[in-house]
Amino acid sequence: ALKFAPRHPYLASGSGDKTSAIWTLHFGPDLQLCSVKLMHSLKGHGCPVLDVDWASCESGCEDAIPRLCTGGEDGRIKVWEGGTGHLLMTLADHRLYVRSVVWSLDNMHIVSTSSDNSVNVWCAETGVCTRQFKGHGPNSVMCATFSPDNHHVVTGGRDRTAIVWNIMDGEVLTTLGPHS
């Protein structure tokens, strides 16, 4: 798993060795890579790390490194302080692999998808699971994305469909597909 931080030269990586890392990449004016530095090695997952995502960078946070969440085969989501690499909290409610993690654009929620066919909505400040959606049948839920207004989340599953959910009440607004 790989993801650049918004508005920053930081790259998060997740690995099969059960770790994540935060790297600094500096590019020159000619777009050549000038330097790469490991900032933090993040240890805390008991299994390979399958996804990473950075919190959004709101206006005024240009100097602060955003928080990072990681999801792994251990069924857990870890939330890290990007600047220090300190573990802030562990979110644990999935029975199987966490396939994807995504921050809402307002940084209020984290959504995780899992091989246990669930989609969890977490309060990013408290770590409480506020909602759980199921709708992809017995299939793994592979990915998720937030709508720009943060009121809806779209999930994609192994059932070859995408489901649009109302994040506030869990209502399925529509199902797209199946893809052939």
Protein backbone atom coordinates (compact mmCIF):
# COMPACT_ATOMS: atom_id res chain seq x y z
CA ALA A 1 0.00 0.00 0.00
CA LEU A 2 1.26 3.49 -0.86
CA LYS A 3 -0.14 6.99 -0.50
CA PHE A 4 1.29 10.51 -0.60
CA ALA A 5 0.19 12.94 2.09
CA PRO A 6 -1.91 15.87 0.84
CA ARG A 7 0.22 18.98 0.25
CA HIS A 8 3.35 17.35 1.71
CA PRO A 9 6.37 15.41 0.41
CA TYR A 10 5.57 12.46 2.70
CA LEU A 11 4.83 8.97 1.47
CA ALA A 12 3.20 6.28 3.63
CA SER A 13 3.84 2.65 2.82
CA GLY A 14 2.35 -0.56 4.19
CA SER A 15 4.18 -3.85 3.91
CA GLY A 16 3.91 -7.60 4.15
CA ASP A 17 6.47 -7.46 6.97
CA LYS A 18 3.71 -6.12 9.32
CA THR A 19 5.07 -2.57 9.35
CA SER A 20 4.20 0.77 7.83
CA ALA A 21 6.62 3.59 7.17
CA ILE A 22 6.57 7.33 6.62
CA TRP A 23 9.13 8.55 4.09
CA THR A 24 10.21 12.05 3.06
CA LEU A 25 10.84 12.48 -0.66
CA HIS A 26 12.40 15.70 -1.91
CA PHE A 27 12.30 16.59 -5.58
CA GLY A 28 14.41 19.24 -7.26
CA PRO A 29 13.23 22.02 -9.60
CA ASP A 30 13.99 19.73 -12.55
CA LEU A 31 11.59 17.14 -10.99
CA GLN A 32 14.48 14.79 -10.25
CA LEU A 33 14.38 12.91 -6.95
CA CYS A 34 17.01 14.54 -4.73
CA SER A 35 16.65 12.59 -1.49
CA VAL A 36 14.64 9.93 0.29
CA LYS A 37 14.61 9.61 4.07
CA LEU A 38 12.80 7.19 6.37
CA MET A 39 11.07 9.36 8.97
CA HIS A 40 9.26 6.70 10.99
CA SER A 41 8.93 2.93 10.99
CA LEU A 42 5.48 2.13 12.38
CA LYS A 43 5.20 -1.20 14.20
CA GLY A 44 1.94 -2.40 15.69
CA HIS A 45 0.11 -4.69 13.28
CA GLY A 46 0.33 -8.43 13.85
CA CYS A 47 -0.02 -9.23 10.15
CA PRO A 48 0.72 -7.57 6.78
CA VAL A 49 -0.53 -4.00 6.27
CA LEU A 50 -2.92 -3.84 3.31
CA ASP A 51 -3.85 -0.14 3.14
CA VAL A 52 -2.83 3.32 4.33
CA ASP A 53 -4.55 6.71 4.20
CA TRP A 54 -3.70 10.23 5.35
CA ALA A 55 -6.11 12.62 7.00
CA SER A 56 -6.95 15.63 4.84
CA CYS A 57 -4.85 18.72 5.20
CA GLU A 58 -7.18 21.54 6.12
CA SER A 59 -6.27 25.18 5.50
CA GLY A 60 -3.75 26.35 8.04
CA CYS A 61 -2.12 22.94 8.48
CA GLU A 62 0.55 23.41 5.84
CA ASP A 63 3.31 22.96 8.43
CA ALA A 64 1.75 20.03 10.29
CA ILE A 65 2.07 16.44 9.13
CA PRO A 66 -1.44 14.91 9.08
CA ARG A 67 -2.53 11.78 10.92
CA LEU A 68 -2.22 8.43 9.17
CA CYS A 69 -4.37 5.32 9.44
CA THR A 70 -3.30 1.82 8.46
CA GLY A 71 -5.35 -1.34 8.01
CA GLY A 72 -4.07 -4.87 8.14
CA GLU A 73 -4.72 -8.57 7.84
CA ASP A 74 -5.00 -8.64 11.65
CA GLY A 75 -8.45 -6.98 11.32
CA ARG A 76 -7.26 -3.80 13.01
CA ILE A 77 -6.96 -0.15 12.05
CA LYS A 78 -4.16 1.87 13.60
CA VAL A 79 -4.20 5.67 13.78
CA TRP A 80 -0.77 7.30 13.96
CA GLU A 81 0.48 10.83 14.58
CA GLY A 82 2.23 11.63 11.29
CA GLY A 83 4.83 13.97 12.73
CA THR A 84 6.03 11.76 15.56
CA GLY A 85 5.04 8.26 14.43
CA HIS A 86 3.31 7.65 17.77
CA LEU A 87 0.35 5.28 17.83
CA LEU A 88 -2.76 7.25 18.83
CA MET A 89 -5.35 4.46 18.86
CA THR A 90 -6.28 1.02 17.61
CA LEU A 91 -9.72 0.39 16.12
CA ALA A 92 -10.78 -3.24 16.39
CA ASP A 93 -14.15 -4.61 15.28
CA HIS A 94 -13.49 -6.58 12.08
CA ARG A 95 -13.21 -10.37 12.28
CA LEU A 96 -11.09 -10.72 9.11
CA TYR A 97 -8.67 -8.66 6.99
CA VAL A 98 -9.12 -4.89 6.76
CA ARG A 99 -9.02 -4.33 3.00
CA SER A 100 -9.18 -0.53 2.90
CA VAL A 101 -9.15 2.51 5.16
CA VAL A 102 -10.23 6.00 4.16
CA TRP A 103 -10.57 9.31 5.99
CA SER A 104 -13.55 11.57 5.34
CA LEU A 105 -12.51 14.87 3.79
CA ASP A 106 -13.46 16.70 7.00
CA ASN A 107 -11.37 14.23 9.09
CA MET A 108 -14.39 13.42 11.28
CA HIS A 109 -14.71 9.76 10.21
CA ILE A 110 -12.64 6.81 9.10
CA VAL A 111 -14.31 4.10 7.02
CA SER A 112 -12.85 0.61 6.89
CA THR A 113 -13.82 -2.28 4.65
CA SER A 114 -13.17 -5.91 5.39
CA SER A 115 -13.09 -9.48 4.18
CA ASP A 116 -15.79 -10.13 6.81
CA ASN A 117 -18.19 -8.35 4.37
CA SER A 118 -18.62 -5.31 6.61
CA VAL A 119 -18.09 -1.59 6.28
CA ASN A 120 -17.40 0.23 9.55
CA VAL A 121 -17.71 3.96 10.16
CA TRP A 122 -15.48 5.17 13.00
CA CYS A 123 -15.37 8.47 14.87
CA ALA A 124 -11.83 9.65 14.11
CA GLU A 125 -11.48 11.44 17.45
CA THR A 126 -12.76 8.75 19.83
CA GLY A 127 -12.19 5.54 17.86
CA VAL A 128 -15.79 4.44 18.46
CA CYS A 129 -17.47 2.44 15.69
CA THR A 130 -20.63 4.48 15.05
CA ARG A 131 -22.12 2.43 12.21
CA GLN A 132 -21.68 -0.88 10.45
CA PHE A 133 -23.05 -1.55 6.98
CA LYS A 134 -23.51 -4.89 5.27
CA GLY A 135 -24.75 -5.15 1.72
CA HIS A 136 -22.28 -6.97 -0.47
CA GLY A 137 -23.66 -10.37 0.54
CA PRO A 138 -21.11 -12.88 1.83
CA ASN A 139 -18.37 -11.23 -0.24
CA SER A 140 -15.39 -9.17 0.85
CA VAL A 141 -15.73 -5.41 0.70
CA MET A 142 -12.59 -4.27 -1.08
CA CYS A 143 -12.59 -0.46 -1.17
CA ALA A 144 -14.39 2.72 -0.20
CA THR A 145 -14.43 6.42 -0.99
CA PHE A 146 -16.21 9.42 0.49
CA SER A 147 -18.34 11.83 -1.49
CA PRO A 148 -17.05 15.42 -1.55
CA ASP A 149 -19.80 16.48 0.92
CA ASN A 150 -18.81 13.75 3.45
CA HIS A 151 -22.45 12.58 3.67
CA HIS A 152 -22.09 9.49 1.52
CA VAL A 153 -19.65 6.66 1.13
CA VAL A 154 -19.35 4.33 -1.86
CA THR A 155 -18.05 0.80 -1.34
CA GLY A 156 -16.89 -1.77 -3.85
CA GLY A 157 -17.12 -5.50 -3.22
CA ARG A 158 -16.11 -8.84 -4.63
CA ASP A 159 -19.75 -9.21 -5.68
CA ARG A 160 -18.80 -6.83 -8.54
CA THR A 161 -21.07 -4.04 -7.29
CA ALA A 162 -20.61 -0.58 -5.85
CA ILE A 163 -23.03 0.57 -3.17
CA VAL A 164 -23.77 4.21 -2.33
CA TRP A 165 -24.59 4.61 1.39
CA ASN A 166 -25.95 7.49 3.44
CA ILE A 167 -23.34 7.67 6.18
CA MET A 168 -25.76 9.10 8.77
CA ASP A 169 -28.37 6.33 8.75
CA GLY A 170 -26.81 3.52 6.68
CA GLU A 171 -29.49 3.68 3.99
CA VAL A 172 -28.49 2.17 0.65
CA LEU A 173 -29.17 4.87 -1.93
CA THR A 174 -28.31 2.79 -4.96
CA THR A 175 -26.34 -0.21 -6.11
CA LEU A 176 -24.20 0.10 -9.23
CA GLY A 177 -23.47 -2.94 -11.34
CA PRO A 178 -22.75 -5.72 -11.26
CA HIS A 179 -19.71 -5.28 -13.48
CA SER A 180 -19.22 -8.09 -15.94
